[in-house]
Amino acid sequence: MAEYARKITSQAYRAFFINTLDLSKLPEYKTADIPMLAICGSRETRDMKVSLALLSENSRCKTITLQGANHDFPMRNAKELNPILEKFFRCVYQSEK
């Protein structure tokens, strides 16, 4: 990951932040009718926490805040994350039967 990050240009970093997804400009998320799971760490950026709060407005979206976690949680904590994902997928699968 660190090796890849060194290859990203400053223009690419700027473009990411300029073109970042802003759910407040996409109200369709409120009525999306598919099972969704949104996970955010308690140490994430404000924008990520705002997105989680907005997604929680959709009754089909399960939201989880992981205490003490930040943006690299999925890469560093697969043993903790995978059971959360497996449980979500099992629930989705069971409800579709």
C-alpha atoms as a PDB file:
ATOM      1  CA  MET A   1       0.000   0.000   0.000  1.00  0.00           C
ATOM      2  CA  ALA A   2       2.787   2.412   0.893  1.00  0.00           C
ATOM      3  CA  GLU A   3       4.545   1.645  -2.383  1.00  0.00           C
ATOM      4  CA  TYR A   4       1.341   2.341  -4.322  1.00  0.00           C
ATOM      5  CA  ALA A   5       0.726   5.592  -2.427  1.00  0.00           C
ATOM      6  CA  ARG A   6       4.139   6.911  -3.494  1.00  0.00           C
ATOM      7  CA  LYS A   7       3.065   6.546  -7.134  1.00  0.00           C
ATOM      8  CA  ILE A   8      -0.052   8.701  -6.767  1.00  0.00           C
ATOM      9  CA  THR A   9       0.491  12.165  -8.153  1.00  0.00           C
ATOM     10  CA  SER A  10      -0.441  15.337  -6.311  1.00  0.00           C
ATOM     11  CA  GLN A  11      -2.957  16.024  -9.113  1.00  0.00           C
ATOM     12  CA  ALA A  12      -4.648  12.698  -8.408  1.00  0.00           C
ATOM     13  CA  TYR A  13      -4.879  13.490  -4.683  1.00  0.00           C
ATOM     14  CA  ARG A  14      -6.407  16.892  -5.400  1.00  0.00           C
ATOM     15  CA  ALA A  15      -8.881  15.392  -7.882  1.00  0.00           C
ATOM     16  CA  PHE A  16      -9.989  12.852  -5.285  1.00  0.00           C
ATOM     17  CA  PHE A  17     -10.904  15.565  -2.782  1.00  0.00           C
ATOM     18  CA  ILE A  18     -12.461  17.848  -5.382  1.00  0.00           C
ATOM     19  CA  ASN A  19     -14.594  15.029  -6.845  1.00  0.00           C
ATOM     20  CA  THR A  20     -15.414  13.186  -3.639  1.00  0.00           C
ATOM     21  CA  LEU A  21     -18.882  11.728  -3.254  1.00  0.00           C
ATOM     22  CA  ASP A  22     -21.269  14.043  -1.411  1.00  0.00           C
ATOM     23  CA  LEU A  23     -24.436  12.161  -0.445  1.00  0.00           C
ATOM     24  CA  SER A  24     -26.240  15.379   0.428  1.00  0.00           C
ATOM     25  CA  LYS A  25     -26.231  16.097  -3.329  1.00  0.00           C
ATOM     26  CA  LEU A  26     -27.560  12.617  -4.156  1.00  0.00           C
ATOM     27  CA  PRO A  27     -30.881  12.252  -2.320  1.00  0.00           C
ATOM     28  CA  GLU A  28     -31.623   9.013  -4.191  1.00  0.00           C
ATOM     29  CA  TYR A  29     -29.734   7.109  -1.492  1.00  0.00           C
ATOM     30  CA  LYS A  30     -32.707   7.680   0.829  1.00  0.00           C
ATOM     31  CA  THR A  31     -34.976   5.488  -1.290  1.00  0.00           C
ATOM     32  CA  ALA A  32     -32.534   2.854  -2.573  1.00  0.00           C
ATOM     33  CA  ASP A  33     -34.333  -0.445  -2.091  1.00  0.00           C
ATOM     34  CA  ILE A  34     -31.444  -2.856  -1.682  1.00  0.00           C
ATOM     35  CA  PRO A  35     -29.764  -4.199   1.448  1.00  0.00           C
ATOM     36  CA  MET A  36     -26.803  -2.000   2.316  1.00  0.00           C
ATOM     37  CA  LEU A  37     -24.134  -1.998   4.977  1.00  0.00           C
ATOM     38  CA  ALA A  38     -22.209   1.166   5.829  1.00  0.00           C
ATOM     39  CA  ILE A  39     -19.299   0.924   8.241  1.00  0.00           C
ATOM     40  CA  CYS A  40     -17.346   3.851   9.614  1.00  0.00           C
ATOM     41  CA  GLY A  41     -14.630   4.090  12.215  1.00  0.00           C
ATOM     42  CA  SER A  42     -14.992   6.444  15.151  1.00  0.00           C
ATOM     43  CA  ARG A  43     -11.644   7.970  14.133  1.00  0.00           C
ATOM     44  CA  GLU A  44     -12.692   8.564  10.510  1.00  0.00           C
ATOM     45  CA  THR A  45     -12.948  11.970   8.876  1.00  0.00           C
ATOM     46  CA  ARG A  46     -15.965  14.167   9.478  1.00  0.00           C
ATOM     47  CA  ASP A  47     -17.128  13.616   5.885  1.00  0.00           C
ATOM     48  CA  MET A  48     -17.217   9.859   6.389  1.00  0.00           C
ATOM     49  CA  LYS A  49     -19.197  10.224   9.618  1.00  0.00           C
ATOM     50  CA  VAL A  50     -21.663  12.567   7.887  1.00  0.00           C
ATOM     51  CA  SER A  51     -22.081  10.012   5.092  1.00  0.00           C
ATOM     52  CA  LEU A  52     -22.801   7.300   7.655  1.00  0.00           C
ATOM     53  CA  ALA A  53     -25.434   9.470   9.314  1.00  0.00           C
ATOM     54  CA  LEU A  54     -27.062  10.208   5.958  1.00  0.00           C
ATOM     55  CA  LEU A  55     -27.068   6.541   4.978  1.00  0.00           C
ATOM     56  CA  SER A  56     -28.753   5.673   8.268  1.00  0.00           C
ATOM     57  CA  GLU A  57     -31.812   7.559   6.987  1.00  0.00           C
ATOM     58  CA  ASN A  58     -32.463   4.638   4.617  1.00  0.00           C
ATOM     59  CA  SER A  59     -34.219   1.809   6.428  1.00  0.00           C
ATOM     60  CA  ARG A  60     -32.495  -0.732   4.144  1.00  0.00           C
ATOM     61  CA  CYS A  61     -29.048   0.415   5.272  1.00  0.00           C
ATOM     62  CA  LYS A  62     -27.477  -1.067   8.379  1.00  0.00           C
ATOM     63  CA  THR A  63     -24.886   1.310   9.787  1.00  0.00           C
ATOM     64  CA  ILE A  64     -22.065   0.432  12.136  1.00  0.00           C
ATOM     65  CA  THR A  65     -19.508   2.630  13.873  1.00  0.00           C
ATOM     66  CA  LEU A  66     -16.371   0.763  14.875  1.00  0.00           C
ATOM     67  CA  GLN A  67     -14.881   2.282  18.019  1.00  0.00           C
ATOM     68  CA  GLY A  68     -11.241   3.318  17.670  1.00  0.00           C
ATOM     69  CA  ALA A  69     -11.112   2.451  13.963  1.00  0.00           C
ATOM     70  CA  ASN A  70      -9.897   4.699  11.188  1.00  0.00           C
ATOM     71  CA  HIS A  71      -9.742   4.493   7.394  1.00  0.00           C
ATOM     72  CA  ASP A  72      -7.238   1.642   7.197  1.00  0.00           C
ATOM     73  CA  PHE A  73      -9.267  -0.654   9.453  1.00  0.00           C
ATOM     74  CA  PRO A  74     -10.316  -3.051   6.636  1.00  0.00           C
ATOM     75  CA  MET A  75      -6.715  -3.615   5.561  1.00  0.00           C
ATOM     76  CA  ARG A  76      -5.345  -4.111   9.060  1.00  0.00           C
ATOM     77  CA  ASN A  77      -8.206  -5.931  10.791  1.00  0.00           C
ATOM     78  CA  ALA A  78      -9.677  -8.524   8.444  1.00  0.00           C
ATOM     79  CA  LYS A  79     -10.203 -10.942  11.350  1.00  0.00           C
ATOM     80  CA  GLU A  80     -12.524  -8.406  12.995  1.00  0.00           C
ATOM     81  CA  LEU A  81     -14.181  -7.120   9.828  1.00  0.00           C
ATOM     82  CA  ASN A  82     -14.901 -10.412   8.080  1.00  0.00           C
ATOM     83  CA  PRO A  83     -17.354 -11.714  10.717  1.00  0.00           C
ATOM     84  CA  ILE A  84     -19.310  -8.438  10.442  1.00  0.00           C
ATOM     85  CA  LEU A  85     -19.526  -8.821   6.667  1.00  0.00           C
ATOM     86  CA  GLU A  86     -20.391 -12.518   6.890  1.00  0.00           C
ATOM     87  CA  LYS A  87     -23.217 -11.810   9.348  1.00  0.00           C
ATOM     88  CA  PHE A  88     -24.613  -9.099   7.081  1.00  0.00           C
ATOM     89  CA  PHE A  89     -24.509 -11.342   4.016  1.00  0.00           C
ATOM     90  CA  ARG A  90     -26.102 -14.242   5.916  1.00  0.00           C
ATOM     91  CA  CYS A  91     -28.944 -11.963   7.031  1.00  0.00           C
ATOM     92  CA  VAL A  92     -29.453 -10.676   3.484  1.00  0.00           C
ATOM     93  CA  TYR A  93     -29.432 -14.188   2.101  1.00  0.00           C
ATOM     94  CA  GLN A  94     -31.881 -15.443   4.732  1.00  0.00           C
ATOM     95  CA  SER A  95     -34.303 -12.567   4.134  1.00  0.00           C
ATOM     96  CA  GLU A  96     -34.315 -13.193   0.381  1.00  0.00           C
ATOM     97  CA  LYS A  97     -35.360 -16.839   0.755  1.00  0.00           C
END
